[in-house]
Amino acid sequence: MKNKETQKERISRFEKSFDRISNAAKNLKRAIEEFEKLRPEAEALSAYYESGLWKRDYEDDEAGRLPRVLKRGVLSQDGVYNLLEETKELEKRILAGEINDG
């Protein structure tokens, strides 16, 4: 015996899909808007990372000249590099239309 979906079941199933997709689209739109607002900060971070200042700060950290209580994840070579590369990739996807806000 075949399990045939009733009209109510079908509508319910697609209503759940509609709600999930709608929520995801709203969340994505908000995230893209926030990402775009942070672009100047990302550009400043990139300039800092490529500057002599970052290198000096990194070397001072390695030499133990910075306070231990100072949060300094920005001095992680891989962390900053990976974040900047991820940022570039997301920007490419947005510009290519792979991500849009509907």
N, C-alpha and C. Protein backbone atom coordinates (compact mmCIF):
# COMPACT_ATOMS: atom_id res chain seq x y z
N MET A 1 0.84 -1.18 0.00
CA MET A 1 0.00 0.00 0.00
C MET A 1 0.89 1.24 0.00
N LYS A 2 0.61 2.15 -0.89
CA LYS A 2 1.39 3.38 -1.01
C LYS A 2 0.94 4.39 0.04
N ASN A 3 1.95 5.10 0.58
CA ASN A 3 1.66 6.14 1.54
C ASN A 3 1.47 7.45 0.78
N LYS A 4 0.23 7.83 0.58
CA LYS A 4 -0.08 9.02 -0.20
C LYS A 4 -0.26 10.21 0.73
N GLU A 5 0.41 11.30 0.40
CA GLU A 5 0.34 12.52 1.20
C GLU A 5 -1.02 13.19 0.98
N THR A 6 -1.63 13.58 2.08
CA THR A 6 -2.91 14.30 1.96
C THR A 6 -2.64 15.77 1.63
N GLN A 7 -3.69 16.43 1.23
CA GLN A 7 -3.57 17.86 0.91
C GLN A 7 -3.08 18.64 2.12
N LYS A 8 -3.63 18.37 3.29
CA LYS A 8 -3.23 19.07 4.51
C LYS A 8 -1.76 18.79 4.84
N GLU A 9 -1.33 17.57 4.67
CA GLU A 9 0.07 17.23 4.94
C GLU A 9 1.01 17.96 3.97
N ARG A 10 0.61 17.99 2.71
CA ARG A 10 1.43 18.67 1.70
C ARG A 10 1.55 20.16 2.00
N ILE A 11 0.41 20.78 2.30
CA ILE A 11 0.42 22.21 2.62
C ILE A 11 1.27 22.46 3.87
N SER A 12 1.13 21.63 4.87
CA SER A 12 1.92 21.76 6.10
C SER A 12 3.40 21.63 5.81
N ARG A 13 3.76 20.65 5.00
CA ARG A 13 5.17 20.42 4.67
C ARG A 13 5.75 21.64 3.96
N PHE A 14 5.03 22.17 2.98
CA PHE A 14 5.54 23.33 2.25
C PHE A 14 5.48 24.60 3.08
N GLU A 15 4.54 24.68 4.00
CA GLU A 15 4.48 25.83 4.90
C GLU A 15 5.73 25.86 5.79
N LYS A 16 6.15 24.70 6.27
CA LYS A 16 7.38 24.62 7.07
C LYS A 16 8.59 25.04 6.24
N SER A 17 8.63 24.57 5.00
CA SER A 17 9.73 24.98 4.10
C SER A 17 9.70 26.48 3.88
N PHE A 18 8.53 27.02 3.64
CA PHE A 18 8.36 28.45 3.42
C PHE A 18 8.89 29.24 4.62
N ASP A 19 8.51 28.81 5.82
CA ASP A 19 8.95 29.50 7.04
C ASP A 19 10.46 29.43 7.21
N ARG A 20 11.05 28.25 7.00
CA ARG A 20 12.51 28.10 7.17
C ARG A 20 13.27 28.95 6.15
N ILE A 21 12.82 28.91 4.90
CA ILE A 21 13.49 29.69 3.85
C ILE A 21 13.33 31.18 4.11
N SER A 22 12.14 31.59 4.52
CA SER A 22 11.89 33.00 4.82
C SER A 22 12.80 33.49 5.95
N ASN A 23 12.91 32.71 7.02
CA ASN A 23 13.78 33.07 8.14
C ASN A 23 15.24 33.11 7.72
N ALA A 24 15.66 32.14 6.94
CA ALA A 24 17.05 32.11 6.47
C ALA A 24 17.35 33.32 5.60
N ALA A 25 16.42 33.69 4.73
CA ALA A 25 16.61 34.85 3.85
C ALA A 25 16.71 36.14 4.66
N LYS A 26 15.86 36.28 5.68
CA LYS A 26 15.92 37.46 6.55
C LYS A 26 17.25 37.52 7.29
N ASN A 27 17.69 36.38 7.82
CA ASN A 27 18.96 36.33 8.54
C ASN A 27 20.13 36.64 7.61
N LEU A 28 20.08 36.11 6.41
CA LEU A 28 21.15 36.36 5.44
C LEU A 28 21.18 37.83 5.05
N LYS A 29 20.03 38.42 4.84
CA LYS A 29 19.97 39.84 4.48
C LYS A 29 20.59 40.68 5.59
N ARG A 30 20.23 40.39 6.84
CA ARG A 30 20.80 41.14 7.97
C ARG A 30 22.31 40.95 8.03
N ALA A 31 22.77 39.73 7.83
CA ALA A 31 24.20 39.44 7.88
C ALA A 31 24.95 40.18 6.77
N ILE A 32 24.38 40.20 5.57
CA ILE A 32 25.02 40.91 4.46
C ILE A 32 25.08 42.40 4.75
N GLU A 33 23.99 42.95 5.28
CA GLU A 33 23.98 44.38 5.62
C GLU A 33 25.04 44.70 6.67
N GLU A 34 25.15 43.86 7.70
CA GLU A 34 26.17 44.09 8.72
C GLU A 34 27.57 43.94 8.14
N PHE A 35 27.75 42.93 7.30
CA PHE A 35 29.04 42.69 6.64
C PHE A 35 29.45 43.92 5.83
N GLU A 36 28.50 44.48 5.10
CA GLU A 36 28.79 45.67 4.29
C GLU A 36 29.15 46.87 5.17
N LYS A 37 28.48 47.02 6.31
CA LYS A 37 28.80 48.12 7.23
C LYS A 37 30.21 47.98 7.80
N LEU A 38 30.67 46.74 7.94
CA LEU A 38 31.99 46.49 8.52
C LEU A 38 33.11 46.54 7.50
N ARG A 39 32.79 46.75 6.24
CA ARG A 39 33.81 46.78 5.19
C ARG A 39 34.94 47.76 5.51
N PRO A 40 34.65 49.00 5.96
CA PRO A 40 35.76 49.91 6.29
C PRO A 40 36.67 49.35 7.39
N GLU A 41 36.10 48.66 8.35
CA GLU A 41 36.91 48.05 9.40
C GLU A 41 37.78 46.93 8.84
N ALA A 42 37.23 46.16 7.91
CA ALA A 42 38.00 45.08 7.28
C ALA A 42 39.15 45.66 6.47
N GLU A 43 38.88 46.76 5.78
CA GLU A 43 39.94 47.41 5.01
C GLU A 43 41.03 47.95 5.93
N ALA A 44 40.63 48.52 7.07
CA ALA A 44 41.61 49.03 8.04
C ALA A 44 42.42 47.88 8.64
N LEU A 45 41.76 46.76 8.93
CA LEU A 45 42.46 45.59 9.46
C LEU A 45 43.47 45.08 8.45
N SER A 46 43.09 45.03 7.20
CA SER A 46 43.99 44.58 6.14
C SER A 46 45.21 45.50 6.04
N ALA A 47 44.97 46.80 6.08
CA ALA A 47 46.08 47.76 6.01
C ALA A 47 47.01 47.61 7.21
N TYR A 48 46.45 47.40 8.39
CA TYR A 48 47.25 47.20 9.60
C TYR A 48 48.08 45.92 9.48
N TYR A 49 47.45 44.85 9.01
CA TYR A 49 48.13 43.55 8.89
C TYR A 49 49.30 43.64 7.92
N GLU A 50 49.14 44.43 6.87
CA GLU A 50 50.19 44.55 5.85
C GLU A 50 51.23 45.62 6.20
N SER A 51 51.02 46.29 7.32
CA SER A 51 51.92 47.39 7.69
C SER A 51 53.04 46.94 8.61
N GLY A 52 53.99 47.82 8.78
CA GLY A 52 55.07 47.58 9.72
C GLY A 52 54.59 47.60 11.16
N LEU A 53 53.48 48.29 11.41
CA LEU A 53 52.94 48.34 12.77
C LEU A 53 52.53 46.96 13.25
N TRP A 54 51.84 46.21 12.40
CA TRP A 54 51.42 44.86 12.79
C TRP A 54 52.64 44.02 13.11
N LYS A 55 53.64 44.07 12.26
CA LYS A 55 54.86 43.28 12.45
C LYS A 55 55.52 43.65 13.77
N ARG A 56 55.60 44.94 14.07
CA ARG A 56 56.20 45.36 15.33
C ARG A 56 55.38 44.87 16.52
N ASP A 57 54.05 44.99 16.43
CA ASP A 57 53.19 44.51 17.51
C ASP A 57 53.35 43.00 17.70
N TYR A 58 53.43 42.27 16.59
CA TYR A 58 53.62 40.83 16.63
C TYR A 58 54.94 40.48 17.32
N GLU A 59 55.99 41.16 16.92
CA GLU A 59 57.31 40.90 17.51
C GLU A 59 57.34 41.24 19.00
N ASP A 60 56.68 42.32 19.38
CA ASP A 60 56.61 42.67 20.81
C ASP A 60 55.84 41.61 21.58
N ASP A 61 54.80 41.07 20.98
CA ASP A 61 54.04 39.99 21.63
C ASP A 61 54.91 38.75 21.79
N GLU A 62 55.61 38.39 20.73
CA GLU A 62 56.48 37.21 20.78
C GLU A 62 57.59 37.38 21.83
N ALA A 63 58.04 38.61 22.03
CA ALA A 63 59.11 38.88 23.00
C ALA A 63 58.56 39.04 24.42
N GLY A 64 57.24 38.94 24.59
CA GLY A 64 56.64 39.04 25.92
C GLY A 64 56.52 40.47 26.44
N ARG A 65 56.54 41.44 25.56
CA ARG A 65 56.47 42.85 25.97
C ARG A 65 55.03 43.36 26.14
N LEU A 66 54.07 42.56 25.78
CA LEU A 66 52.68 42.99 25.91
C LEU A 66 52.06 42.37 27.16
N PRO A 67 51.13 43.08 27.80
CA PRO A 67 50.49 42.53 29.00
C PRO A 67 49.75 41.23 28.67
N ARG A 68 49.84 40.28 29.57
CA ARG A 68 49.16 38.99 29.36
C ARG A 68 47.65 39.14 29.27
N VAL A 69 47.11 40.15 29.95
CA VAL A 69 45.65 40.32 29.97
C VAL A 69 45.12 40.98 28.70
N LEU A 70 46.01 41.47 27.84
CA LEU A 70 45.59 42.12 26.60
C LEU A 70 45.11 41.08 25.59
N LYS A 71 43.87 41.22 25.16
CA LYS A 71 43.35 40.34 24.12
C LYS A 71 44.07 40.68 22.82
N ARG A 72 44.67 39.68 22.17
CA ARG A 72 45.50 39.97 21.01
C ARG A 72 45.41 38.91 19.92
N GLY A 73 44.21 38.43 19.70
CA GLY A 73 43.99 37.48 18.61
C GLY A 73 44.36 38.06 17.26
N VAL A 74 44.32 39.39 17.16
CA VAL A 74 44.67 40.06 15.91
C VAL A 74 46.14 39.86 15.57
N LEU A 75 46.93 39.41 16.53
CA LEU A 75 48.35 39.17 16.27
C LEU A 75 48.62 37.74 15.83
N SER A 76 47.56 36.96 15.67
CA SER A 76 47.69 35.61 15.14
C SER A 76 47.81 35.70 13.62
N GLN A 77 48.97 35.29 13.09
CA GLN A 77 49.18 35.39 11.64
C GLN A 77 48.11 34.64 10.87
N ASP A 78 47.89 33.40 11.22
CA ASP A 78 46.91 32.60 10.49
C ASP A 78 45.50 33.14 10.68
N GLY A 79 45.18 33.58 11.88
CA GLY A 79 43.83 34.07 12.16
C GLY A 79 43.47 35.27 11.30
N VAL A 80 44.35 36.26 11.26
CA VAL A 80 44.07 37.47 10.48
C VAL A 80 44.07 37.14 8.99
N TYR A 81 45.06 36.40 8.54
CA TYR A 81 45.14 36.05 7.12
C TYR A 81 43.88 35.29 6.69
N ASN A 82 43.49 34.29 7.46
CA ASN A 82 42.31 33.49 7.11
C ASN A 82 41.04 34.34 7.11
N LEU A 83 40.91 35.23 8.08
CA LEU A 83 39.73 36.09 8.13
C LEU A 83 39.68 37.01 6.91
N LEU A 84 40.80 37.60 6.56
CA LEU A 84 40.83 38.49 5.39
C LEU A 84 40.54 37.73 4.10
N GLU A 85 41.06 36.52 3.97
CA GLU A 85 40.77 35.71 2.78
C GLU A 85 39.31 35.31 2.73
N GLU A 86 38.74 34.95 3.87
CA GLU A 86 37.32 34.60 3.92
C GLU A 86 36.47 35.81 3.55
N THR A 87 36.86 36.98 4.02
CA THR A 87 36.16 38.21 3.69
C THR A 87 36.18 38.46 2.19
N LYS A 88 37.35 38.30 1.57
CA LYS A 88 37.46 38.49 0.12
C LYS A 88 36.57 37.50 -0.63
N GLU A 89 36.57 36.25 -0.18
CA GLU A 89 35.75 35.22 -0.83
C GLU A 89 34.26 35.54 -0.71
N LEU A 90 33.83 35.98 0.46
CA LEU A 90 32.42 36.35 0.63
C LEU A 90 32.05 37.53 -0.25
N GLU A 91 32.94 38.52 -0.34
CA GLU A 91 32.67 39.66 -1.21
C GLU A 91 32.53 39.22 -2.66
N LYS A 92 33.39 38.32 -3.10
CA LYS A 92 33.30 37.80 -4.47
C LYS A 92 31.96 37.11 -4.70
N ARG A 93 31.54 36.31 -3.73
CA ARG A 93 30.27 35.59 -3.87
C ARG A 93 29.09 36.56 -3.93
N ILE A 94 29.14 37.59 -3.09
CA ILE A 94 28.06 38.58 -3.09
C ILE A 94 28.03 39.31 -4.43
N LEU A 95 29.18 39.75 -4.89
CA LEU A 95 29.25 40.49 -6.15
C LEU A 95 28.87 39.62 -7.35
N ALA A 96 29.18 38.33 -7.27
CA ALA A 96 28.86 37.42 -8.37
C ALA A 96 27.39 37.02 -8.36
N GLY A 97 26.67 37.43 -7.35
CA GLY A 97 25.25 37.10 -7.29
C GLY A 97 24.98 35.72 -6.74
N GLU A 98 26.01 35.07 -6.19
CA GLU A 98 25.79 33.75 -5.59
C GLU A 98 25.00 33.87 -4.31
N ILE A 99 25.09 35.04 -3.70
CA ILE A 99 24.31 35.33 -2.50
C ILE A 99 23.53 36.59 -2.82
N ASN A 100 22.23 36.56 -2.62
CA ASN A 100 21.46 37.79 -2.79
C ASN A 100 20.36 37.84 -1.76
N ASP A 101 19.79 39.01 -1.60
CA ASP A 101 18.78 39.17 -0.55
C ASP A 101 17.36 39.12 -1.10
N GLY A 102 17.20 38.56 -2.26
CA GLY A 102 15.88 38.32 -2.78
C GLY A 102 15.28 39.48 -3.45
